[in-house]
Amino acid sequence: MIFGLRVIREDSQSLSWSDLLFREVIGRFIHRVFFIAVLLYLFVAFTTEKQGIHDMIGNTRVVIEK
């Protein structure tokens, strides 16, 4: 919120707590289990929607709120 960022669902429905928890659990699991996953943050720079792996799995994305 401080940076004007917001997490939204890909299908434009309202975001639920289960969506956020799933996104966070998947993201933390990937980055803790796989040591090389730190490099996956670079993956965001090369995707068209600027999504991380956890966003792709969770069908979410981060947008700038205007």
PDB file of N, CA and C in Angstrom:
ATOM      1  N   MET A   1       0.813  -1.190   0.000  1.00  0.00           N
ATOM      2  CA  MET A   1       0.000   0.000   0.000  1.00  0.00           C
ATOM      3  C   MET A   1       0.863   1.264   0.000  1.00  0.00           C
ATOM      4  N   ILE A   2       1.961   1.196   0.702  1.00  0.00           N
ATOM      5  CA  ILE A   2       2.847   2.355   0.783  1.00  0.00           C
ATOM      6  C   ILE A   2       3.391   2.709  -0.599  1.00  0.00           C
ATOM      7  N   PHE A   3       3.705   1.686  -1.381  1.00  0.00           N
ATOM      8  CA  PHE A   3       4.290   1.903  -2.698  1.00  0.00           C
ATOM      9  C   PHE A   3       3.241   1.999  -3.804  1.00  0.00           C
ATOM     10  N   GLY A   4       1.961   1.920  -3.467  1.00  0.00           N
ATOM     11  CA  GLY A   4       0.896   2.010  -4.448  1.00  0.00           C
ATOM     12  C   GLY A   4       0.713   0.730  -5.253  1.00  0.00           C
ATOM     13  N   LEU A   5       1.062  -0.408  -4.673  1.00  0.00           N
ATOM     14  CA  LEU A   5       0.929  -1.687  -5.353  1.00  0.00           C
ATOM     15  C   LEU A   5      -0.275  -2.440  -4.811  1.00  0.00           C
ATOM     16  N   ARG A   6      -0.875  -3.242  -5.688  1.00  0.00           N
ATOM     17  CA  ARG A   6      -2.052  -4.015  -5.297  1.00  0.00           C
ATOM     18  C   ARG A   6      -2.013  -5.377  -5.970  1.00  0.00           C
ATOM     19  N   VAL A   7      -2.415  -6.411  -5.266  1.00  0.00           N
ATOM     20  CA  VAL A   7      -2.498  -7.757  -5.820  1.00  0.00           C
ATOM     21  C   VAL A   7      -3.924  -7.967  -6.314  1.00  0.00           C
ATOM     22  N   ILE A   8      -4.064  -8.431  -7.561  1.00  0.00           N
ATOM     23  CA  ILE A   8      -5.379  -8.702  -8.130  1.00  0.00           C
ATOM     24  C   ILE A   8      -5.396 -10.104  -8.725  1.00  0.00           C
ATOM     25  N   ARG A   9      -6.585 -10.634  -8.943  1.00  0.00           N
ATOM     26  CA  ARG A   9      -6.732 -11.935  -9.584  1.00  0.00           C
ATOM     27  C   ARG A   9      -6.727 -11.756 -11.095  1.00  0.00           C
ATOM     28  N   GLU A  10      -6.302 -12.782 -11.797  1.00  0.00           N
ATOM     29  CA  GLU A  10      -6.252 -12.752 -13.263  1.00  0.00           C
ATOM     30  C   GLU A  10      -7.643 -12.654 -13.875  1.00  0.00           C
ATOM     31  N   ASP A  11      -8.632 -13.270 -13.235  1.00  0.00           N
ATOM     32  CA  ASP A  11      -9.986 -13.303 -13.798  1.00  0.00           C
ATOM     33  C   ASP A  11     -10.840 -12.111 -13.354  1.00  0.00           C
ATOM     34  N   SER A  12     -10.248 -11.121 -12.747  1.00  0.00           N
ATOM     35  CA  SER A  12     -10.887  -9.862 -12.335  1.00  0.00           C
ATOM     36  C   SER A  12     -11.957 -10.027 -11.265  1.00  0.00           C
ATOM     37  N   GLN A  13     -12.029 -11.185 -10.631  1.00  0.00           N
ATOM     38  CA  GLN A  13     -12.948 -11.348  -9.510  1.00  0.00           C
ATOM     39  C   GLN A  13     -12.280 -10.776  -8.269  1.00  0.00           C
ATOM     40  N   SER A  14     -13.084 -10.604  -7.220  1.00  0.00           N
ATOM     41  CA  SER A  14     -12.510 -10.041  -6.002  1.00  0.00           C
ATOM     42  C   SER A  14     -11.552 -11.040  -5.355  1.00  0.00           C
ATOM     43  N   LEU A  15     -10.526 -10.508  -4.775  1.00  0.00           N
ATOM     44  CA  LEU A  15      -9.479 -11.308  -4.149  1.00  0.00           C
ATOM     45  C   LEU A  15      -9.949 -11.770  -2.767  1.00  0.00           C
ATOM     46  N   SER A  16      -9.739 -13.031  -2.471  1.00  0.00           N
ATOM     47  CA  SER A  16     -10.134 -13.557  -1.158  1.00  0.00           C
ATOM     48  C   SER A  16      -8.893 -13.855  -0.331  1.00  0.00           C
ATOM     49  N   TRP A  17      -9.105 -14.077   0.959  1.00  0.00           N
ATOM     50  CA  TRP A  17      -7.987 -14.396   1.841  1.00  0.00           C
ATOM     51  C   TRP A  17      -7.329 -15.703   1.429  1.00  0.00           C
ATOM     52  N   SER A  18      -8.125 -16.659   0.934  1.00  0.00           N
ATOM     53  CA  SER A  18      -7.538 -17.937   0.510  1.00  0.00           C
ATOM     54  C   SER A  18      -6.619 -17.742  -0.691  1.00  0.00           C
ATOM     55  N   ASP A  19      -6.945 -16.810  -1.580  1.00  0.00           N
ATOM     56  CA  ASP A  19      -6.069 -16.497  -2.722  1.00  0.00           C
ATOM     57  C   ASP A  19      -4.732 -15.948  -2.230  1.00  0.00           C
ATOM     58  N   LEU A  20      -4.794 -15.025  -1.292  1.00  0.00           N
ATOM     59  CA  LEU A  20      -3.572 -14.422  -0.760  1.00  0.00           C
ATOM     60  C   LEU A  20      -2.728 -15.424   0.011  1.00  0.00           C
ATOM     61  N   LEU A  21      -3.368 -16.238   0.821  1.00  0.00           N
ATOM     62  CA  LEU A  21      -2.628 -17.248   1.576  1.00  0.00           C
ATOM     63  C   LEU A  21      -1.982 -18.265   0.651  1.00  0.00           C
ATOM     64  N   PHE A  22      -2.714 -18.699  -0.370  1.00  0.00           N
ATOM     65  CA  PHE A  22      -2.162 -19.643  -1.337  1.00  0.00           C
ATOM     66  C   PHE A  22      -0.950 -19.044  -2.036  1.00  0.00           C
ATOM     67  N   ARG A  23      -1.064 -17.795  -2.462  1.00  0.00           N
ATOM     68  CA  ARG A  23       0.036 -17.103  -3.149  1.00  0.00           C
ATOM     69  C   ARG A  23       1.261 -17.006  -2.249  1.00  0.00           C
ATOM     70  N   GLU A  24       1.055 -16.633  -1.001  1.00  0.00           N
ATOM     71  CA  GLU A  24       2.171 -16.491  -0.071  1.00  0.00           C
ATOM     72  C   GLU A  24       2.802 -17.838   0.280  1.00  0.00           C
ATOM     73  N   VAL A  25       1.983 -18.844   0.533  1.00  0.00           N
ATOM     74  CA  VAL A  25       2.512 -20.165   0.892  1.00  0.00           C
ATOM     75  C   VAL A  25       3.318 -20.750  -0.258  1.00  0.00           C
ATOM     76  N   ILE A  26       2.781 -20.685  -1.465  1.00  0.00           N
ATOM     77  CA  ILE A  26       3.493 -21.201  -2.634  1.00  0.00           C
ATOM     78  C   ILE A  26       4.795 -20.434  -2.842  1.00  0.00           C
ATOM     79  N   GLY A  27       4.739 -19.115  -2.757  1.00  0.00           N
ATOM     80  CA  GLY A  27       5.936 -18.302  -2.951  1.00  0.00           C
ATOM     81  C   GLY A  27       7.019 -18.597  -1.934  1.00  0.00           C
ATOM     82  N   ARG A  28       6.642 -18.673  -0.693  1.00  0.00           N
ATOM     83  CA  ARG A  28       7.633 -18.948   0.357  1.00  0.00           C
ATOM     84  C   ARG A  28       8.172 -20.368   0.257  1.00  0.00           C
ATOM     85  N   PHE A  29       7.306 -21.330  -0.073  1.00  0.00           N
ATOM     86  CA  PHE A  29       7.740 -22.716  -0.225  1.00  0.00           C
ATOM     87  C   PHE A  29       8.780 -22.844  -1.330  1.00  0.00           C
ATOM     88  N   ILE A  30       8.497 -22.264  -2.486  1.00  0.00           N
ATOM     89  CA  ILE A  30       9.415 -22.343  -3.624  1.00  0.00           C
ATOM     90  C   ILE A  30      10.768 -21.743  -3.269  1.00  0.00           C
ATOM     91  N   HIS A  31      10.756 -20.579  -2.647  1.00  0.00           N
ATOM     92  CA  HIS A  31      12.008 -19.880  -2.371  1.00  0.00           C
ATOM     93  C   HIS A  31      12.780 -20.442  -1.178  1.00  0.00           C
ATOM     94  N   ARG A  32      12.139 -21.193  -0.332  1.00  0.00           N
ATOM     95  CA  ARG A  32      12.854 -21.811   0.794  1.00  0.00           C
ATOM     96  C   ARG A  32      13.371 -23.202   0.460  1.00  0.00           C
ATOM     97  N   VAL A  33      12.610 -23.952  -0.324  1.00  0.00           N
ATOM     98  CA  VAL A  33      12.993 -25.322  -0.636  1.00  0.00           C
ATOM     99  C   VAL A  33      14.098 -25.377  -1.682  1.00  0.00           C
ATOM    100  N   PHE A  34      13.987 -24.535  -2.681  1.00  0.00           N
ATOM    101  CA  PHE A  34      14.950 -24.550  -3.775  1.00  0.00           C
ATOM    102  C   PHE A  34      15.908 -23.370  -3.619  1.00  0.00           C
ATOM    103  N   PHE A  35      17.173 -23.672  -3.296  1.00  0.00           N
ATOM    104  CA  PHE A  35      18.164 -22.619  -3.063  1.00  0.00           C
ATOM    105  C   PHE A  35      18.337 -21.730  -4.283  1.00  0.00           C
ATOM    106  N   ILE A  36      18.303 -22.315  -5.468  1.00  0.00           N
ATOM    107  CA  ILE A  36      18.503 -21.547  -6.700  1.00  0.00           C
ATOM    108  C   ILE A  36      17.285 -20.674  -7.032  1.00  0.00           C
ATOM    109  N   ALA A  37      16.214 -20.831  -6.273  1.00  0.00           N
ATOM    110  CA  ALA A  37      14.992 -20.067  -6.525  1.00  0.00           C
ATOM    111  C   ALA A  37      15.195 -18.564  -6.339  1.00  0.00           C
ATOM    112  N   VAL A  38      16.239 -18.175  -5.655  1.00  0.00           N
ATOM    113  CA  VAL A  38      16.534 -16.742  -5.514  1.00  0.00           C
ATOM    114  C   VAL A  38      16.703 -16.117  -6.897  1.00  0.00           C
ATOM    115  N   LEU A  39      17.236 -16.880  -7.811  1.00  0.00           N
ATOM    116  CA  LEU A  39      17.397 -16.386  -9.174  1.00  0.00           C
ATOM    117  C   LEU A  39      16.073 -16.249  -9.914  1.00  0.00           C
ATOM    118  N   LEU A  40      15.023 -16.892  -9.397  1.00  0.00           N
ATOM    119  CA  LEU A  40      13.716 -16.793 -10.035  1.00  0.00           C
ATOM    120  C   LEU A  40      13.142 -15.382  -9.928  1.00  0.00           C
ATOM    121  N   TYR A  41      13.644 -14.588  -9.010  1.00  0.00           N
ATOM    122  CA  TYR A  41      13.207 -13.191  -8.953  1.00  0.00           C
ATOM    123  C   TYR A  41      13.592 -12.459 -10.241  1.00  0.00           C
ATOM    124  N   LEU A  42      14.653 -12.874 -10.873  1.00  0.00           N
ATOM    125  CA  LEU A  42      15.041 -12.293 -12.161  1.00  0.00           C
ATOM    126  C   LEU A  42      14.046 -12.658 -13.250  1.00  0.00           C
ATOM    127  N   PHE A  43      13.352 -13.769 -13.061  1.00  0.00           N
ATOM    128  CA  PHE A  43      12.355 -14.231 -14.017  1.00  0.00           C
ATOM    129  C   PHE A  43      11.269 -13.174 -14.240  1.00  0.00           C
ATOM    130  N   VAL A  44      10.950 -12.432 -13.198  1.00  0.00           N
ATOM    131  CA  VAL A  44       9.920 -11.396 -13.270  1.00  0.00           C
ATOM    132  C   VAL A  44      10.270 -10.344 -14.325  1.00  0.00           C
ATOM    133  N   ALA A  45      11.518 -10.014 -14.445  1.00  0.00           N
ATOM    134  CA  ALA A  45      11.945  -8.967 -15.375  1.00  0.00           C
ATOM    135  C   ALA A  45      11.709  -9.348 -16.833  1.00  0.00           C
ATOM    136  N   PHE A  46      11.625 -10.629 -17.116  1.00  0.00           N
ATOM    137  CA  PHE A  46      11.519 -11.068 -18.505  1.00  0.00           C
ATOM    138  C   PHE A  46      10.130 -11.540 -18.914  1.00  0.00           C
ATOM    139  N   THR A  47       9.151 -11.510 -18.011  1.00  0.00           N
ATOM    140  CA  THR A  47       7.793 -11.891 -18.381  1.00  0.00           C
ATOM    141  C   THR A  47       7.019 -10.643 -18.804  1.00  0.00           C
ATOM    142  N   THR A  48       6.057 -10.823 -19.684  1.00  0.00           N
ATOM    143  CA  THR A  48       5.314  -9.672 -20.202  1.00  0.00           C
ATOM    144  C   THR A  48       4.443  -9.020 -19.137  1.00  0.00           C
ATOM    145  N   GLU A  49       3.876  -9.812 -18.237  1.00  0.00           N
ATOM    146  CA  GLU A  49       3.011  -9.267 -17.188  1.00  0.00           C
ATOM    147  C   GLU A  49       3.765  -8.986 -15.892  1.00  0.00           C
ATOM    148  N   LYS A  50       5.097  -9.212 -15.904  1.00  0.00           N
ATOM    149  CA  LYS A  50       5.942  -9.008 -14.719  1.00  0.00           C
ATOM    150  C   LYS A  50       5.448  -9.837 -13.531  1.00  0.00           C
ATOM    151  N   GLN A  51       5.156 -11.112 -13.786  1.00  0.00           N
ATOM    152  CA  GLN A  51       4.676 -12.013 -12.754  1.00  0.00           C
ATOM    153  C   GLN A  51       5.788 -12.928 -12.279  1.00  0.00           C
ATOM    154  N   GLY A  52       5.787 -13.195 -10.987  1.00  0.00           N
ATOM    155  CA  GLY A  52       6.685 -14.194 -10.433  1.00  0.00           C
ATOM    156  C   GLY A  52       6.063 -15.576 -10.591  1.00  0.00           C
ATOM    157  N   ILE A  53       6.830 -16.600 -10.285  1.00  0.00           N
ATOM    158  CA  ILE A  53       6.336 -17.969 -10.381  1.00  0.00           C
ATOM    159  C   ILE A  53       5.119 -18.161  -9.479  1.00  0.00           C
ATOM    160  N   HIS A  54       5.158 -17.608  -8.262  1.00  0.00           N
ATOM    161  CA  HIS A  54       4.032 -17.765  -7.342  1.00  0.00           C
ATOM    162  C   HIS A  54       2.787 -17.053  -7.847  1.00  0.00           C
ATOM    163  N   ASP A  55       2.942 -15.962  -8.595  1.00  0.00           N
ATOM    164  CA  ASP A  55       1.790 -15.290  -9.190  1.00  0.00           C
ATOM    165  C   ASP A  55       1.192 -16.126 -10.316  1.00  0.00           C
ATOM    166  N   MET A  56       2.040 -16.753 -11.101  1.00  0.00           N
ATOM    167  CA  MET A  56       1.543 -17.598 -12.190  1.00  0.00           C
ATOM    168  C   MET A  56       0.774 -18.799 -11.648  1.00  0.00           C
ATOM    169  N   ILE A  57       1.291 -19.407 -10.592  1.00  0.00           N
ATOM    170  CA  ILE A  57       0.628 -20.564  -9.999  1.00  0.00           C
ATOM    171  C   ILE A  57      -0.674 -20.142  -9.320  1.00  0.00           C
ATOM    172  N   GLY A  58      -0.662 -19.013  -8.648  1.00  0.00           N
ATOM    173  CA  GLY A  58      -1.832 -18.532  -7.929  1.00  0.00           C
ATOM    174  C   GLY A  58      -2.808 -17.724  -8.760  1.00  0.00           C
ATOM    175  N   ASN A  59      -2.526 -17.530 -10.057  1.00  0.00           N
ATOM    176  CA  ASN A  59      -3.370 -16.735 -10.956  1.00  0.00           C
ATOM    177  C   ASN A  59      -3.623 -15.328 -10.425  1.00  0.00           C
ATOM    178  N   THR A  60      -2.547 -14.704  -9.966  1.00  0.00           N
ATOM    179  CA  THR A  60      -2.624 -13.331  -9.476  1.00  0.00           C
ATOM    180  C   THR A  60      -1.543 -12.507 -10.149  1.00  0.00           C
ATOM    181  N   ARG A  61      -1.620 -11.223  -9.960  1.00  0.00           N
ATOM    182  CA  ARG A  61      -0.549 -10.330 -10.404  1.00  0.00           C
ATOM    183  C   ARG A  61      -0.568  -9.064  -9.576  1.00  0.00           C
ATOM    184  N   VAL A  62       0.533  -8.371  -9.593  1.00  0.00           N
ATOM    185  CA  VAL A  62       0.673  -7.130  -8.834  1.00  0.00           C
ATOM    186  C   VAL A  62       0.588  -5.973  -9.810  1.00  0.00           C
ATOM    187  N   VAL A  63      -0.256  -4.996  -9.503  1.00  0.00           N
ATOM    188  CA  VAL A  63      -0.426  -3.833 -10.364  1.00  0.00           C
ATOM    189  C   VAL A  63      -0.165  -2.570  -9.568  1.00  0.00           C
ATOM    190  N   ILE A  64       0.113  -1.495 -10.280  1.00  0.00           N
ATOM    191  CA  ILE A  64       0.276  -0.191  -9.643  1.00  0.00           C
ATOM    192  C   ILE A  64      -1.101   0.444  -9.548  1.00  0.00           C
ATOM    193  N   GLU A  65      -1.480   0.797  -8.339  1.00  0.00           N
ATOM    194  CA  GLU A  65      -2.779   1.420  -8.116  1.00  0.00           C
ATOM    195  C   GLU A  65      -2.670   2.913  -8.335  1.00  0.00           C
ATOM    196  N   LYS A  66      -3.546   3.449  -9.131  1.00  0.00           N
ATOM    197  CA  LYS A  66      -3.497   4.890  -9.451  1.00  0.00           C
ATOM    198  C   LYS A  66      -4.562   5.658  -8.727  1.00  0.00           C
TER     199      LYS A  66
END
